[in-house]
Structure formats: structure tokens, C-alpha cells
Amino acid sequence: MPIENLARSDVVTAATDESIRELASTMQAEDVGSVVITDGETPVGIVTDRDLAMQVLADGADPEGVVAEDVMSDDLQTIDEDAGFYQATESMSEHGIRRLPVTGSNDELTGIITVDDLNELLADEHQELAGVVRAQRPPY
């Protein structure tokens, strides 16, 4: 199944010059743990709640004047919307990440897929398999 069928299309985004205070407020208001940073329609980075904690608070940085570009990942991993489930899990594992922005044919942001989304899909599939096993199991 293509990632485009599994990914969320309601991606929370911000520009590179967005203040981290605004990013944190957006994360809280939208109840998300990350914001994809875009240049137009193209994803260029991602800022997570962990980035804010580790790169600003833990380092003792003054949050005033710090913007998304200062703390975002600069080696953003994305996945093509036509890629499959296995490619997404492989990329997440290889790069040690929990979120993959999904891109279309022109590198435009079309969605996001997370480890939680993939776990939920696996849990649903396991439930389906368990139903098959229960239906074919002799009574005890």
C-alpha cells in the first residue's frame, strides 16, 4: 500500500524564520510533537518538541531571537508518496527518526507519516490476523 494512503495530509508547517516560541505554541495548540519547516511547498527541515528541549532549554540558550532555521534538522529525510510501508520503516530505522514528511512528484509536501501511524496500522493488521486464527481454532 502506498504511503500516500497511510500518511496524514494535515501537516503542521511553518517557515524557516518562525520563532521557536511560535513553534512551541503551535505544537501545543495543534497537539503535535513536530512542525515541518517549509520553503514554499517544499519541506526543508523539521522541528520537534525534543529539538526545542535539547537545543534551546538544555543548552541554556536564550529563546528570544531563536528561529526554526536555528534548531531544525538540516538533513531532512522525506519519502515519496508512492513508496511503500516497508520503505518507510526502513528509512526510519536507518536514520533513527520517528517522522517522515511525504512528498509528491515535484518535492512538494503532501503529508507526514510517523512511527505511531505505522504502529497503529500494524496493530490493526494483527487484530485482523487474530480474527482469522480465532475463527479457525478449535474450541477448548
N, C-alpha and C. Protein backbone atom coordinates (compact mmCIF):
# COMPACT_ATOMS: atom_id res chain seq x y z
N MET A 1 0.85 -1.18 0.00
CA MET A 1 0.00 0.00 0.00
C MET A 1 0.90 1.24 0.00
N PRO A 2 0.64 2.19 -0.90
CA PRO A 2 1.47 3.40 -0.95
C PRO A 2 1.33 4.24 0.32
N ILE A 3 2.39 4.87 0.67
CA ILE A 3 2.42 5.74 1.85
C ILE A 3 1.35 6.82 1.77
N GLU A 4 1.05 7.32 0.57
CA GLU A 4 0.05 8.37 0.44
C GLU A 4 -1.30 7.94 1.00
N ASN A 5 -1.58 6.62 1.02
CA ASN A 5 -2.83 6.12 1.58
C ASN A 5 -2.78 5.99 3.10
N LEU A 6 -1.58 6.02 3.66
CA LEU A 6 -1.40 5.85 5.10
C LEU A 6 -1.08 7.16 5.81
N ALA A 7 -0.48 8.10 5.09
CA ALA A 7 0.01 9.34 5.70
C ALA A 7 -1.12 10.30 6.05
N ARG A 8 -0.84 11.12 7.01
CA ARG A 8 -1.76 12.20 7.37
C ARG A 8 -1.53 13.35 6.40
N SER A 9 -2.57 13.95 5.92
CA SER A 9 -2.42 15.06 4.99
C SER A 9 -2.46 16.41 5.69
N ASP A 10 -2.88 16.43 6.94
CA ASP A 10 -2.99 17.68 7.70
C ASP A 10 -1.69 17.97 8.45
N VAL A 11 -0.65 18.30 7.70
CA VAL A 11 0.68 18.52 8.26
C VAL A 11 0.75 19.95 8.82
N VAL A 12 1.29 20.07 10.01
CA VAL A 12 1.52 21.39 10.61
C VAL A 12 2.85 21.89 10.09
N THR A 13 2.84 23.08 9.49
CA THR A 13 4.04 23.63 8.87
C THR A 13 4.33 25.04 9.38
N ALA A 14 5.56 25.47 9.12
CA ALA A 14 5.97 26.84 9.45
C ALA A 14 7.13 27.22 8.54
N ALA A 15 7.42 28.48 8.48
CA ALA A 15 8.54 28.99 7.68
C ALA A 15 9.83 28.94 8.49
N THR A 16 10.95 29.06 7.82
CA THR A 16 12.26 28.98 8.47
C THR A 16 12.48 30.10 9.47
N ASP A 17 11.79 31.22 9.30
CA ASP A 17 12.00 32.37 10.19
C ASP A 17 10.99 32.45 11.33
N GLU A 18 10.20 31.38 11.50
CA GLU A 18 9.22 31.33 12.60
C GLU A 18 9.96 31.23 13.94
N SER A 19 9.55 32.01 14.91
CA SER A 19 10.21 31.96 16.22
C SER A 19 9.92 30.64 16.91
N ILE A 20 10.84 30.19 17.75
CA ILE A 20 10.61 28.92 18.45
C ILE A 20 9.46 29.05 19.44
N ARG A 21 9.23 30.23 19.94
CA ARG A 21 8.08 30.43 20.83
C ARG A 21 6.79 30.17 20.06
N GLU A 22 6.72 30.66 18.83
CA GLU A 22 5.54 30.41 18.00
C GLU A 22 5.43 28.93 17.63
N LEU A 23 6.57 28.29 17.37
CA LEU A 23 6.56 26.85 17.07
C LEU A 23 6.01 26.07 18.26
N ALA A 24 6.48 26.39 19.45
CA ALA A 24 6.02 25.68 20.65
C ALA A 24 4.52 25.91 20.87
N SER A 25 4.07 27.13 20.66
CA SER A 25 2.64 27.43 20.80
C SER A 25 1.81 26.67 19.77
N THR A 26 2.32 26.58 18.56
CA THR A 26 1.63 25.83 17.51
C THR A 26 1.55 24.36 17.86
N MET A 27 2.66 23.79 18.35
CA MET A 27 2.67 22.39 18.74
C MET A 27 1.63 22.13 19.82
N GLN A 28 1.56 23.04 20.78
CA GLN A 28 0.59 22.89 21.86
C GLN A 28 -0.84 23.01 21.34
N ALA A 29 -1.10 24.01 20.53
CA ALA A 29 -2.45 24.24 20.01
C ALA A 29 -2.92 23.11 19.10
N GLU A 30 -2.01 22.58 18.29
CA GLU A 30 -2.36 21.53 17.34
C GLU A 30 -2.19 20.12 17.92
N ASP A 31 -1.66 20.04 19.14
CA ASP A 31 -1.44 18.77 19.83
C ASP A 31 -0.57 17.83 19.00
N VAL A 32 0.57 18.38 18.53
CA VAL A 32 1.55 17.62 17.74
C VAL A 32 2.93 17.76 18.37
N GLY A 33 3.82 16.86 18.01
CA GLY A 33 5.18 16.88 18.54
C GLY A 33 6.20 17.39 17.55
N SER A 34 5.73 17.85 16.38
CA SER A 34 6.67 18.36 15.39
C SER A 34 5.97 19.33 14.44
N VAL A 35 6.81 20.17 13.83
CA VAL A 35 6.36 21.09 12.80
C VAL A 35 7.32 20.94 11.63
N VAL A 36 6.78 20.70 10.44
CA VAL A 36 7.61 20.61 9.25
C VAL A 36 7.90 22.03 8.77
N ILE A 37 9.17 22.31 8.55
CA ILE A 37 9.59 23.63 8.10
C ILE A 37 9.65 23.61 6.58
N THR A 38 8.99 24.58 5.96
CA THR A 38 8.90 24.59 4.50
C THR A 38 9.44 25.88 3.91
N ASP A 39 9.86 25.74 2.66
CA ASP A 39 10.21 26.88 1.82
C ASP A 39 9.21 26.82 0.68
N GLY A 40 8.17 27.61 0.76
CA GLY A 40 7.05 27.47 -0.17
C GLY A 40 6.32 26.18 0.15
N GLU A 41 6.24 25.30 -0.83
CA GLU A 41 5.59 23.99 -0.65
C GLU A 41 6.59 22.88 -0.38
N THR A 42 7.88 23.20 -0.36
CA THR A 42 8.93 22.19 -0.24
C THR A 42 9.39 22.07 1.22
N PRO A 43 9.37 20.85 1.78
CA PRO A 43 9.89 20.68 3.14
C PRO A 43 11.41 20.80 3.15
N VAL A 44 11.92 21.59 4.10
CA VAL A 44 13.37 21.80 4.19
C VAL A 44 13.93 21.39 5.55
N GLY A 45 13.07 21.13 6.50
CA GLY A 45 13.51 20.74 7.84
C GLY A 45 12.32 20.34 8.69
N ILE A 46 12.63 19.94 9.90
CA ILE A 46 11.57 19.60 10.86
C ILE A 46 12.06 20.01 12.24
N VAL A 47 11.16 20.53 13.04
CA VAL A 47 11.47 20.88 14.43
C VAL A 47 10.55 20.05 15.30
N THR A 48 11.14 19.34 16.24
CA THR A 48 10.36 18.52 17.16
C THR A 48 10.37 19.13 18.55
N ASP A 49 9.47 18.65 19.39
CA ASP A 49 9.46 19.12 20.77
C ASP A 49 10.79 18.77 21.45
N ARG A 50 11.38 17.67 21.07
CA ARG A 50 12.70 17.29 21.60
C ARG A 50 13.78 18.28 21.17
N ASP A 51 13.73 18.73 19.92
CA ASP A 51 14.68 19.75 19.46
C ASP A 51 14.61 21.00 20.34
N LEU A 52 13.39 21.42 20.65
CA LEU A 52 13.23 22.61 21.49
C LEU A 52 13.80 22.38 22.88
N ALA A 53 13.54 21.21 23.43
CA ALA A 53 14.04 20.92 24.77
C ALA A 53 15.56 20.80 24.79
N MET A 54 16.13 20.08 23.84
CA MET A 54 17.56 19.79 23.87
C MET A 54 18.43 20.93 23.33
N GLN A 55 17.98 21.59 22.28
CA GLN A 55 18.81 22.60 21.65
C GLN A 55 18.59 24.00 22.20
N VAL A 56 17.52 24.19 22.92
CA VAL A 56 17.27 25.53 23.48
C VAL A 56 17.32 25.47 25.00
N LEU A 57 16.43 24.71 25.60
CA LEU A 57 16.35 24.70 27.06
C LEU A 57 17.56 24.04 27.71
N ALA A 58 17.93 22.85 27.26
CA ALA A 58 19.06 22.14 27.88
C ALA A 58 20.38 22.86 27.66
N ASP A 59 20.52 23.51 26.52
CA ASP A 59 21.75 24.25 26.23
C ASP A 59 21.77 25.62 26.90
N GLY A 60 20.66 26.00 27.51
CA GLY A 60 20.60 27.30 28.18
C GLY A 60 20.56 28.48 27.23
N ALA A 61 20.13 28.22 26.00
CA ALA A 61 20.05 29.30 25.01
C ALA A 61 18.91 30.24 25.35
N ASP A 62 19.09 31.50 25.00
CA ASP A 62 18.03 32.49 25.17
C ASP A 62 17.03 32.29 24.04
N PRO A 63 15.81 31.90 24.34
CA PRO A 63 14.85 31.60 23.28
C PRO A 63 14.46 32.81 22.42
N GLU A 64 14.65 34.00 22.96
CA GLU A 64 14.34 35.19 22.16
C GLU A 64 15.31 35.28 21.00
N GLY A 65 14.78 35.43 19.82
CA GLY A 65 15.62 35.55 18.64
C GLY A 65 15.99 34.23 17.99
N VAL A 66 15.64 33.10 18.62
CA VAL A 66 15.92 31.80 18.01
C VAL A 66 14.74 31.45 17.11
N VAL A 67 15.04 31.07 15.88
CA VAL A 67 14.01 30.75 14.90
C VAL A 67 14.13 29.30 14.45
N ALA A 68 13.15 28.86 13.72
CA ALA A 68 13.09 27.46 13.26
C ALA A 68 14.38 27.03 12.58
N GLU A 69 14.91 27.86 11.73
CA GLU A 69 16.12 27.50 10.99
C GLU A 69 17.30 27.21 11.90
N ASP A 70 17.31 27.81 13.09
CA ASP A 70 18.41 27.61 14.05
C ASP A 70 18.38 26.23 14.70
N VAL A 71 17.21 25.61 14.79
CA VAL A 71 17.09 24.34 15.51
C VAL A 71 16.59 23.18 14.66
N MET A 72 16.15 23.46 13.44
CA MET A 72 15.59 22.40 12.60
C MET A 72 16.67 21.44 12.13
N SER A 73 16.25 20.23 11.81
CA SER A 73 17.17 19.28 11.20
C SER A 73 17.53 19.81 9.83
N ASP A 74 18.79 19.75 9.50
CA ASP A 74 19.19 20.24 8.18
C ASP A 74 19.46 19.09 7.22
N ASP A 75 19.27 17.88 7.68
CA ASP A 75 19.42 16.70 6.81
C ASP A 75 18.08 15.96 6.74
N LEU A 76 17.04 16.71 6.41
CA LEU A 76 15.68 16.19 6.42
C LEU A 76 15.54 14.97 5.53
N GLN A 77 14.97 13.92 6.10
CA GLN A 77 14.63 12.72 5.35
C GLN A 77 13.16 12.81 4.98
N THR A 78 12.85 12.57 3.73
CA THR A 78 11.47 12.54 3.27
C THR A 78 11.23 11.21 2.57
N ILE A 79 9.99 10.96 2.23
CA ILE A 79 9.66 9.74 1.49
C ILE A 79 8.64 10.10 0.41
N ASP A 80 8.81 9.49 -0.74
CA ASP A 80 7.91 9.73 -1.86
C ASP A 80 6.56 9.11 -1.56
N GLU A 81 5.50 9.79 -1.95
CA GLU A 81 4.15 9.31 -1.66
C GLU A 81 3.84 7.96 -2.30
N ASP A 82 4.60 7.57 -3.31
CA ASP A 82 4.40 6.27 -3.97
C ASP A 82 5.16 5.14 -3.29
N ALA A 83 6.02 5.48 -2.33
CA ALA A 83 6.80 4.46 -1.62
C ALA A 83 5.86 3.61 -0.77
N GLY A 84 6.37 2.47 -0.34
CA GLY A 84 5.56 1.56 0.45
C GLY A 84 5.88 1.59 1.94
N PHE A 85 5.09 0.86 2.69
CA PHE A 85 5.23 0.74 4.14
C PHE A 85 6.65 0.32 4.52
N TYR A 86 7.16 -0.71 3.84
CA TYR A 86 8.49 -1.23 4.18
C TYR A 86 9.57 -0.18 3.97
N GLN A 87 9.49 0.59 2.90
CA GLN A 87 10.48 1.64 2.66
C GLN A 87 10.45 2.69 3.76
N ALA A 88 9.26 3.01 4.24
CA ALA A 88 9.14 3.99 5.31
C ALA A 88 9.78 3.48 6.60
N THR A 89 9.48 2.23 6.96
CA THR A 89 10.06 1.68 8.19
C THR A 89 11.58 1.54 8.06
N GLU A 90 12.04 1.16 6.89
CA GLU A 90 13.48 1.02 6.66
C GLU A 90 14.18 2.36 6.79
N SER A 91 13.61 3.41 6.22
CA SER A 91 14.20 4.74 6.29
C SER A 91 14.22 5.26 7.74
N MET A 92 13.12 5.05 8.45
CA MET A 92 13.07 5.49 9.84
C MET A 92 14.14 4.77 10.67
N SER A 93 14.27 3.49 10.46
CA SER A 93 15.26 2.70 11.20
C SER A 93 16.68 3.12 10.84
N GLU A 94 16.94 3.26 9.56
CA GLU A 94 18.28 3.61 9.09
C GLU A 94 18.73 4.98 9.60
N HIS A 95 17.80 5.92 9.66
CA HIS A 95 18.15 7.29 10.05
C HIS A 95 17.82 7.62 11.50
N GLY A 96 17.23 6.68 12.22
CA GLY A 96 16.90 6.91 13.63
C GLY A 96 15.90 8.03 13.83
N ILE A 97 14.86 8.04 13.00
CA ILE A 97 13.85 9.10 13.07
C ILE A 97 12.47 8.50 13.28
N ARG A 98 11.54 9.32 13.76
CA ARG A 98 10.19 8.88 14.05
C ARG A 98 9.14 9.50 13.14
N ARG A 99 9.58 10.46 12.31
CA ARG A 99 8.63 11.18 11.45
C ARG A 99 9.22 11.34 10.06
N LEU A 100 8.41 11.09 9.04
CA LEU A 100 8.84 11.25 7.65
C LEU A 100 7.85 12.13 6.89
N PRO A 101 8.26 13.33 6.51
CA PRO A 101 7.41 14.10 5.61
C PRO A 101 7.28 13.36 4.29
N VAL A 102 6.09 13.40 3.72
CA VAL A 102 5.79 12.71 2.47
C VAL A 102 5.74 13.76 1.36
N THR A 103 6.40 13.45 0.24
CA THR A 103 6.47 14.42 -0.86
C THR A 103 5.89 13.83 -2.15
N GLY A 104 5.40 14.74 -2.98
CA GLY A 104 4.87 14.38 -4.29
C GLY A 104 5.94 14.45 -5.36
N SER A 105 5.51 14.36 -6.60
CA SER A 105 6.44 14.29 -7.73
C SER A 105 7.30 15.53 -7.91
N ASN A 106 6.86 16.67 -7.42
CA ASN A 106 7.64 17.91 -7.52
C ASN A 106 8.27 18.30 -6.20
N ASP A 107 8.48 17.31 -5.33
CA ASP A 107 9.05 17.52 -3.99
C ASP A 107 8.18 18.38 -3.08
N GLU A 108 6.91 18.56 -3.43
CA GLU A 108 6.01 19.33 -2.59
C GLU A 108 5.52 18.46 -1.44
N LEU A 109 5.32 19.07 -0.30
CA LEU A 109 4.84 18.36 0.89
C LEU A 109 3.39 17.94 0.69
N THR A 110 3.13 16.63 0.84
CA THR A 110 1.76 16.14 0.69
C THR A 110 1.23 15.47 1.95
N GLY A 111 2.11 15.20 2.92
CA GLY A 111 1.66 14.54 4.14
C GLY A 111 2.81 14.25 5.07
N ILE A 112 2.52 13.49 6.10
CA ILE A 112 3.54 13.05 7.05
C ILE A 112 3.13 11.68 7.58
N ILE A 113 4.11 10.82 7.78
CA ILE A 113 3.88 9.51 8.36
C ILE A 113 4.79 9.38 9.57
N THR A 114 4.27 8.83 10.65
CA THR A 114 5.04 8.72 11.89
C THR A 114 5.12 7.27 12.34
N VAL A 115 6.04 7.01 13.24
CA VAL A 115 6.14 5.68 13.83
C VAL A 115 4.81 5.29 14.47
N ASP A 116 4.16 6.23 15.12
CA ASP A 116 2.87 5.93 15.74
C ASP A 116 1.84 5.49 14.70
N ASP A 117 1.83 6.17 13.55
CA ASP A 117 0.90 5.78 12.48
C ASP A 117 1.17 4.36 12.02
N LEU A 118 2.45 4.04 11.84
CA LEU A 118 2.83 2.70 11.37
C LEU A 118 2.52 1.64 12.41
N ASN A 119 2.75 1.96 13.69
CA ASN A 119 2.40 1.02 14.76
C ASN A 119 0.90 0.77 14.81
N GLU A 120 0.12 1.81 14.62
CA GLU A 120 -1.33 1.66 14.63
C GLU A 120 -1.78 0.76 13.46
N LEU A 121 -1.18 0.96 12.30
CA LEU A 121 -1.50 0.11 11.16
C LEU A 121 -1.16 -1.35 11.45
N LEU A 122 0.02 -1.58 12.02
CA LEU A 122 0.42 -2.95 12.36
C LEU A 122 -0.53 -3.57 13.38
N ALA A 123 -0.94 -2.79 14.37
CA ALA A 123 -1.87 -3.29 15.38
C ALA A 123 -3.20 -3.70 14.73
N ASP A 124 -3.68 -2.88 13.79
CA ASP A 124 -4.92 -3.21 13.09
C ASP A 124 -4.77 -4.51 12.30
N GLU A 125 -3.62 -4.66 11.63
CA GLU A 125 -3.37 -5.87 10.86
C GLU A 125 -3.29 -7.10 11.77
N HIS A 126 -2.66 -6.94 12.93
CA HIS A 126 -2.58 -8.05 13.89
C HIS A 126 -3.97 -8.43 14.39
N GLN A 127 -4.83 -7.45 14.59
CA GLN A 127 -6.21 -7.74 15.01
C GLN A 127 -6.92 -8.56 13.95
N GLU A 128 -6.73 -8.20 12.68
CA GLU A 128 -7.35 -8.94 11.58
C GLU A 128 -6.84 -10.38 11.56
N LEU A 129 -5.52 -10.55 11.71
CA LEU A 129 -4.94 -11.90 11.73
C LEU A 129 -5.45 -12.70 12.93
N ALA A 130 -5.57 -12.04 14.06
CA ALA A 130 -6.07 -12.73 15.25
C ALA A 130 -7.50 -13.22 15.01
N GLY A 131 -8.29 -12.44 14.29
CA GLY A 131 -9.64 -12.87 13.96
C GLY A 131 -9.65 -14.12 13.11
N VAL A 132 -8.72 -14.20 12.17
CA VAL A 132 -8.61 -15.39 11.33
C VAL A 132 -8.24 -16.60 12.19
N VAL A 133 -7.26 -16.42 13.06
CA VAL A 133 -6.82 -17.51 13.93
C VAL A 133 -7.97 -17.96 14.83
N ARG A 134 -8.69 -17.02 15.43
CA ARG A 134 -9.81 -17.37 16.31
C ARG A 134 -10.90 -18.13 15.55
N ALA A 135 -11.16 -17.71 14.32
CA ALA A 135 -12.20 -18.36 13.54
C ALA A 135 -11.84 -19.78 13.16
N GLN A 136 -10.55 -20.08 13.05
CA GLN A 136 -10.13 -21.39 12.60
C GLN A 136 -9.65 -22.29 13.75
N ARG A 137 -9.62 -21.78 14.94
CA ARG A 137 -9.15 -22.53 16.08
C ARG A 137 -10.26 -23.41 16.63
N PRO A 138 -9.93 -24.64 16.98
CA PRO A 138 -10.98 -25.49 17.57
C PRO A 138 -11.34 -24.98 18.97
N PRO A 139 -12.57 -25.19 19.37
CA PRO A 139 -12.96 -24.75 20.73
C PRO A 139 -12.25 -25.57 21.80
N TYR A 140 -12.00 -24.96 22.92
CA TYR A 140 -11.33 -25.65 24.04
C TYR A 140 -12.34 -26.01 25.09
